[in-house]
N, C-alpha and C. Protein backbone atom coordinates (compact mmCIF):
# COMPACT_ATOMS: atom_id res chain seq x y z
N UNK A 1 -141.67 47.31 139.80
CA UNK A 1 -141.39 48.35 138.82
C UNK A 1 -142.09 49.65 139.19
N UNK A 2 -143.34 49.54 139.65
CA UNK A 2 -144.11 50.72 140.01
C UNK A 2 -143.44 51.47 141.17
N UNK A 3 -142.91 50.72 142.14
CA UNK A 3 -142.25 51.33 143.29
C UNK A 3 -141.00 52.09 142.86
N UNK A 4 -140.25 51.53 141.91
CA UNK A 4 -139.05 52.20 141.40
C UNK A 4 -139.43 53.49 140.69
N UNK A 5 -140.51 53.44 139.90
CA UNK A 5 -140.98 54.62 139.18
C UNK A 5 -141.39 55.72 140.17
N UNK A 6 -142.13 55.35 141.20
CA UNK A 6 -142.56 56.32 142.21
C UNK A 6 -141.34 56.91 142.91
N UNK A 7 -140.37 56.05 143.23
CA UNK A 7 -139.16 56.53 143.88
C UNK A 7 -138.44 57.54 143.00
N UNK A 8 -138.32 57.23 141.70
CA UNK A 8 -137.64 58.14 140.77
C UNK A 8 -138.37 59.47 140.68
N UNK A 9 -139.70 59.44 140.59
CA UNK A 9 -140.48 60.67 140.51
C UNK A 9 -140.31 61.49 141.78
N UNK A 10 -140.31 60.83 142.93
CA UNK A 10 -140.15 61.56 144.19
C UNK A 10 -138.77 62.19 144.30
N UNK A 11 -137.76 61.51 143.76
CA UNK A 11 -136.39 62.00 143.89
C UNK A 11 -135.96 62.94 142.78
N UNK A 12 -136.69 62.97 141.69
CA UNK A 12 -136.30 63.77 140.54
C UNK A 12 -135.98 65.22 140.91
N UNK A 13 -136.85 65.90 141.66
CA UNK A 13 -136.52 67.30 141.98
C UNK A 13 -135.35 67.46 142.94
N UNK A 14 -134.96 66.37 143.59
CA UNK A 14 -133.95 66.49 144.63
C UNK A 14 -132.63 65.81 144.25
N UNK A 15 -132.44 65.59 142.97
CA UNK A 15 -131.19 64.96 142.55
C UNK A 15 -130.00 65.85 142.84
N UNK A 16 -130.25 67.15 142.90
CA UNK A 16 -129.20 68.09 143.25
C UNK A 16 -128.95 67.96 144.75
N UNK A 17 -127.73 67.86 145.12
CA UNK A 17 -127.37 67.71 146.52
C UNK A 17 -126.47 68.85 146.95
N UNK A 18 -126.72 69.38 148.12
CA UNK A 18 -125.85 70.45 148.61
C UNK A 18 -124.44 69.93 148.85
N UNK A 19 -124.30 68.64 148.99
CA UNK A 19 -122.95 68.09 149.11
C UNK A 19 -122.21 68.20 147.78
N UNK A 20 -122.96 68.44 146.69
CA UNK A 20 -122.35 68.59 145.38
C UNK A 20 -122.06 70.06 145.05
N UNK A 21 -122.37 70.94 145.96
CA UNK A 21 -122.09 72.35 145.73
C UNK A 21 -120.60 72.58 145.64
N UNK A 22 -120.22 73.65 144.99
CA UNK A 22 -118.79 73.94 144.91
C UNK A 22 -118.16 73.99 146.30
N UNK A 23 -116.90 73.63 146.35
CA UNK A 23 -116.19 73.55 147.62
C UNK A 23 -116.31 74.84 148.42
N UNK A 24 -116.35 75.98 147.78
CA UNK A 24 -116.37 77.26 148.45
C UNK A 24 -117.73 77.75 148.90
N UNK A 25 -118.78 76.93 148.80
CA UNK A 25 -120.11 77.40 149.15
C UNK A 25 -120.22 77.78 150.62
N UNK A 26 -119.63 76.97 151.48
CA UNK A 26 -119.68 77.31 152.91
C UNK A 26 -118.92 78.60 153.19
N UNK A 27 -117.82 78.79 152.48
CA UNK A 27 -117.06 80.04 152.61
C UNK A 27 -117.91 81.22 152.14
N UNK A 28 -118.62 81.02 151.03
CA UNK A 28 -119.52 82.05 150.51
C UNK A 28 -120.58 82.40 151.55
N UNK A 29 -121.14 81.38 152.21
CA UNK A 29 -122.14 81.65 153.25
C UNK A 29 -121.53 82.43 154.41
N UNK A 30 -120.32 82.09 154.79
CA UNK A 30 -119.66 82.83 155.88
C UNK A 30 -119.44 84.29 155.50
N UNK A 31 -119.05 84.54 154.25
CA UNK A 31 -118.88 85.92 153.78
C UNK A 31 -120.21 86.66 153.83
N UNK A 32 -121.27 85.97 153.41
CA UNK A 32 -122.60 86.59 153.42
C UNK A 32 -123.03 86.93 154.84
N UNK A 33 -122.66 86.09 155.78
CA UNK A 33 -123.07 86.29 157.17
C UNK A 33 -122.66 87.68 157.65
N UNK A 34 -121.48 88.11 157.27
CA UNK A 34 -120.99 89.43 157.69
C UNK A 34 -121.42 90.53 156.73
N UNK A 35 -121.40 90.23 155.44
CA UNK A 35 -121.64 91.23 154.41
C UNK A 35 -123.12 91.52 154.18
N UNK A 36 -123.94 90.48 154.16
CA UNK A 36 -125.35 90.63 153.84
C UNK A 36 -126.16 89.63 154.66
N UNK A 37 -126.42 89.96 155.93
CA UNK A 37 -127.11 89.03 156.82
C UNK A 37 -128.50 88.61 156.32
N UNK A 38 -129.19 89.51 155.62
CA UNK A 38 -130.52 89.17 155.11
C UNK A 38 -130.43 88.04 154.09
N UNK A 39 -129.55 88.18 153.12
CA UNK A 39 -129.38 87.13 152.11
C UNK A 39 -128.83 85.86 152.75
N UNK A 40 -127.94 86.02 153.71
CA UNK A 40 -127.39 84.86 154.42
C UNK A 40 -128.51 84.03 155.05
N UNK A 41 -129.44 84.70 155.72
CA UNK A 41 -130.54 83.99 156.38
C UNK A 41 -131.38 83.21 155.37
N UNK A 42 -131.67 83.82 154.22
CA UNK A 42 -132.42 83.12 153.18
C UNK A 42 -131.64 81.91 152.67
N UNK A 43 -130.38 82.12 152.30
CA UNK A 43 -129.56 81.05 151.72
C UNK A 43 -129.34 79.92 152.72
N UNK A 44 -129.10 80.27 153.97
CA UNK A 44 -128.88 79.26 155.01
C UNK A 44 -130.13 78.42 155.20
N UNK A 45 -131.28 79.07 155.20
CA UNK A 45 -132.53 78.32 155.38
C UNK A 45 -132.78 77.40 154.19
N UNK A 46 -132.52 77.88 152.97
CA UNK A 46 -132.69 77.03 151.79
C UNK A 46 -131.77 75.80 151.87
N UNK A 47 -130.55 76.02 152.32
CA UNK A 47 -129.61 74.91 152.47
C UNK A 47 -130.13 73.92 153.52
N UNK A 48 -130.63 74.43 154.64
CA UNK A 48 -131.16 73.56 155.69
C UNK A 48 -132.37 72.77 155.21
N UNK A 49 -133.23 73.41 154.43
CA UNK A 49 -134.41 72.73 153.88
C UNK A 49 -133.96 71.57 152.99
N UNK A 50 -132.99 71.83 152.12
CA UNK A 50 -132.51 70.78 151.22
C UNK A 50 -131.89 69.62 152.00
N UNK A 51 -131.17 69.92 153.06
CA UNK A 51 -130.58 68.86 153.89
C UNK A 51 -131.69 68.01 154.53
N UNK A 52 -132.73 68.68 155.00
CA UNK A 52 -133.84 67.97 155.63
C UNK A 52 -134.58 67.10 154.61
N UNK A 53 -134.78 67.62 153.41
CA UNK A 53 -135.42 66.85 152.34
C UNK A 53 -134.58 65.62 152.01
N UNK A 54 -133.28 65.81 151.90
CA UNK A 54 -132.39 64.67 151.61
C UNK A 54 -132.46 63.62 152.71
N UNK A 55 -132.52 64.08 153.95
CA UNK A 55 -132.61 63.14 155.08
C UNK A 55 -133.91 62.35 155.01
N UNK A 56 -135.02 63.03 154.71
CA UNK A 56 -136.31 62.35 154.61
C UNK A 56 -136.32 61.33 153.48
N UNK A 57 -135.73 61.69 152.35
CA UNK A 57 -135.68 60.77 151.21
C UNK A 57 -134.83 59.55 151.56
N UNK A 58 -133.74 59.78 152.26
CA UNK A 58 -132.90 58.66 152.70
C UNK A 58 -133.68 57.73 153.62
N UNK A 59 -134.44 58.34 154.55
CA UNK A 59 -135.26 57.53 155.46
C UNK A 59 -136.29 56.72 154.67
N UNK A 60 -136.87 57.31 153.64
CA UNK A 60 -137.83 56.59 152.81
C UNK A 60 -137.15 55.44 152.07
N UNK A 61 -135.97 55.70 151.54
CA UNK A 61 -135.22 54.66 150.82
C UNK A 61 -134.91 53.48 151.73
N UNK A 62 -134.62 53.78 152.98
CA UNK A 62 -134.27 52.73 153.94
C UNK A 62 -135.49 52.09 154.59
N UNK A 63 -136.68 52.53 154.18
CA UNK A 63 -137.91 51.95 154.69
C UNK A 63 -138.32 52.44 156.06
N UNK A 64 -137.71 53.49 156.55
CA UNK A 64 -138.03 54.02 157.88
C UNK A 64 -139.26 54.92 157.86
N UNK A 65 -139.62 55.41 156.67
CA UNK A 65 -140.76 56.32 156.52
C UNK A 65 -141.63 55.81 155.38
N UNK A 66 -142.94 55.82 155.58
CA UNK A 66 -143.84 55.40 154.51
C UNK A 66 -143.99 56.53 153.49
N UNK A 67 -144.54 56.18 152.33
CA UNK A 67 -144.74 57.17 151.28
C UNK A 67 -145.67 58.29 151.76
N UNK A 68 -146.73 57.91 152.47
CA UNK A 68 -147.67 58.90 152.99
C UNK A 68 -147.02 59.85 153.98
N UNK A 69 -146.22 59.29 154.88
CA UNK A 69 -145.51 60.12 155.85
C UNK A 69 -144.51 61.03 155.16
N UNK A 70 -143.84 60.48 154.14
CA UNK A 70 -142.88 61.28 153.38
C UNK A 70 -143.56 62.48 152.75
N UNK A 71 -144.70 62.24 152.11
CA UNK A 71 -145.44 63.35 151.48
C UNK A 71 -145.84 64.40 152.52
N UNK A 72 -146.35 63.91 153.66
CA UNK A 72 -146.78 64.84 154.71
C UNK A 72 -145.63 65.70 155.23
N UNK A 73 -144.44 65.11 155.31
CA UNK A 73 -143.28 65.85 155.81
C UNK A 73 -142.65 66.74 154.74
N UNK A 74 -142.76 66.33 153.48
CA UNK A 74 -142.17 67.12 152.40
C UNK A 74 -142.99 68.37 152.08
N UNK A 75 -144.31 68.28 152.17
CA UNK A 75 -145.16 69.40 151.77
C UNK A 75 -144.79 70.72 152.45
N UNK A 76 -144.67 70.76 153.78
CA UNK A 76 -144.34 72.06 154.40
C UNK A 76 -142.93 72.54 154.05
N UNK A 77 -142.01 71.60 153.87
CA UNK A 77 -140.64 72.00 153.51
C UNK A 77 -140.60 72.60 152.11
N UNK A 78 -141.28 71.95 151.18
CA UNK A 78 -141.30 72.46 149.81
C UNK A 78 -142.07 73.77 149.74
N UNK A 79 -143.14 73.87 150.52
CA UNK A 79 -143.90 75.12 150.56
C UNK A 79 -143.01 76.26 151.05
N UNK A 80 -142.25 76.01 152.11
CA UNK A 80 -141.35 77.04 152.64
C UNK A 80 -140.26 77.40 151.63
N UNK A 81 -139.73 76.38 150.96
CA UNK A 81 -138.70 76.62 149.94
C UNK A 81 -139.24 77.52 148.82
N UNK A 82 -140.45 77.23 148.37
CA UNK A 82 -141.07 78.03 147.31
C UNK A 82 -141.32 79.45 147.80
N UNK A 83 -141.78 79.59 149.04
CA UNK A 83 -142.03 80.93 149.60
C UNK A 83 -140.75 81.76 149.64
N UNK A 84 -139.64 81.14 149.99
CA UNK A 84 -138.37 81.86 150.03
C UNK A 84 -137.95 82.26 148.63
N UNK A 85 -138.00 81.31 147.70
CA UNK A 85 -137.56 81.58 146.33
C UNK A 85 -138.42 82.65 145.67
N UNK A 86 -139.71 82.67 145.99
CA UNK A 86 -140.63 83.65 145.40
C UNK A 86 -140.67 84.97 146.18
N UNK A 87 -139.97 85.06 147.28
CA UNK A 87 -139.98 86.26 148.11
C UNK A 87 -139.24 87.39 147.38
N UNK A 88 -139.92 88.53 147.14
CA UNK A 88 -139.26 89.63 146.44
C UNK A 88 -138.01 90.14 147.15
N UNK A 89 -138.03 90.14 148.47
CA UNK A 89 -136.86 90.61 149.22
C UNK A 89 -135.65 89.70 148.95
N UNK A 90 -135.89 88.40 148.92
CA UNK A 90 -134.82 87.44 148.61
C UNK A 90 -134.27 87.69 147.22
N UNK A 91 -135.17 87.88 146.26
CA UNK A 91 -134.73 88.10 144.88
C UNK A 91 -133.92 89.38 144.73
N UNK A 92 -134.37 90.44 145.40
CA UNK A 92 -133.64 91.71 145.34
C UNK A 92 -132.25 91.54 145.94
N UNK A 93 -132.17 90.93 147.11
CA UNK A 93 -130.88 90.72 147.77
C UNK A 93 -129.96 89.85 146.91
N UNK A 94 -130.52 88.84 146.28
CA UNK A 94 -129.74 87.95 145.43
C UNK A 94 -129.17 88.71 144.23
N UNK A 95 -129.99 89.52 143.60
CA UNK A 95 -129.52 90.29 142.43
C UNK A 95 -128.49 91.33 142.83
N UNK A 96 -128.75 92.02 143.93
CA UNK A 96 -127.79 93.02 144.39
C UNK A 96 -126.44 92.37 144.70
N UNK A 97 -126.47 91.23 145.33
CA UNK A 97 -125.22 90.53 145.65
C UNK A 97 -124.49 90.15 144.37
N UNK A 98 -125.23 89.70 143.37
CA UNK A 98 -124.62 89.36 142.09
C UNK A 98 -124.00 90.56 141.42
N UNK A 99 -124.69 91.69 141.47
CA UNK A 99 -124.17 92.93 140.88
C UNK A 99 -122.93 93.39 141.63
N UNK A 100 -123.00 93.39 142.95
CA UNK A 100 -121.87 93.85 143.75
C UNK A 100 -120.64 92.97 143.57
N UNK A 101 -120.85 91.68 143.35
CA UNK A 101 -119.71 90.78 143.15
C UNK A 101 -119.00 91.05 141.83
N UNK A 102 -119.71 91.64 140.86
CA UNK A 102 -119.09 91.89 139.56
C UNK A 102 -118.41 93.25 139.48
N UNK A 103 -118.71 94.13 140.42
CA UNK A 103 -118.07 95.45 140.41
C UNK A 103 -116.61 95.33 140.84
N UNK A 104 -115.72 96.01 140.13
CA UNK A 104 -114.29 95.92 140.48
C UNK A 104 -113.99 96.32 141.93
N UNK A 105 -114.68 97.32 142.44
CA UNK A 105 -114.39 97.78 143.80
C UNK A 105 -114.83 96.77 144.85
N UNK A 106 -115.73 95.86 144.49
CA UNK A 106 -116.23 94.88 145.45
C UNK A 106 -115.49 93.55 145.40
N UNK A 107 -114.69 93.36 144.37
CA UNK A 107 -113.97 92.09 144.24
C UNK A 107 -112.92 91.99 145.33
N UNK A 108 -112.70 90.79 145.75
CA UNK A 108 -111.68 90.59 146.78
C UNK A 108 -110.31 90.81 146.16
N UNK A 109 -109.41 91.31 146.98
CA UNK A 109 -108.06 91.56 146.49
C UNK A 109 -107.37 90.22 146.30
N UNK A 110 -106.70 90.12 145.20
CA UNK A 110 -105.93 88.91 144.93
C UNK A 110 -104.49 89.30 144.68
N UNK A 111 -103.67 88.31 144.59
CA UNK A 111 -102.27 88.60 144.33
C UNK A 111 -102.14 89.21 142.94
N UNK A 112 -101.24 90.18 142.80
CA UNK A 112 -101.09 90.81 141.48
C UNK A 112 -100.57 89.80 140.46
N UNK A 113 -100.92 90.02 139.20
CA UNK A 113 -100.44 89.07 138.19
C UNK A 113 -98.93 89.12 138.07
N UNK A 114 -98.36 88.01 137.72
CA UNK A 114 -96.91 87.93 137.54
C UNK A 114 -96.56 88.53 136.19
N UNK A 115 -95.59 89.43 136.19
CA UNK A 115 -95.16 90.04 134.94
C UNK A 115 -93.95 89.28 134.43
N UNK A 116 -94.03 88.88 133.20
CA UNK A 116 -92.93 88.16 132.58
C UNK A 116 -92.42 89.01 131.42
N UNK A 117 -91.18 89.35 131.50
CA UNK A 117 -90.58 90.12 130.42
C UNK A 117 -89.76 89.18 129.55
N UNK A 118 -89.99 89.29 128.28
CA UNK A 118 -89.24 88.46 127.34
C UNK A 118 -88.26 89.36 126.61
N UNK A 119 -87.00 89.07 126.80
CA UNK A 119 -85.99 89.88 126.12
C UNK A 119 -85.71 89.27 124.75
N UNK A 120 -85.43 90.12 123.79
CA UNK A 120 -85.15 89.60 122.44
C UNK A 120 -83.90 88.74 122.46
N UNK A 121 -83.92 87.71 121.65
CA UNK A 121 -82.77 86.81 121.57
C UNK A 121 -81.61 87.49 120.86
N UNK A 122 -80.41 87.19 121.29
CA UNK A 122 -79.22 87.79 120.67
C UNK A 122 -78.56 86.85 119.73
């Protein structure tokens, strides 16, 4: 029971999986690569960190890594993740991207809406 509890506590922060991200996340990253390379680098690194954390947790689940080794390997990854999230440059780029995405001039062109005319019944 204690081992299950420890496993749950270790996995609690990582229940979110990048494989569960919206289908268009990779497309979003590709757009960022050209549009905002600074934000792209931050987002790509965060994604890579999460993938590495997931891999380590899987190794722990399969008994390939001990709890002590897992902690030792997770600490620098989590530290780097926190440093990125707390980085003012990352936050500014993230907010600017959010603002720019909401401006009409920055939205991607889509097909025009279909106009349906309803004629009065005779």
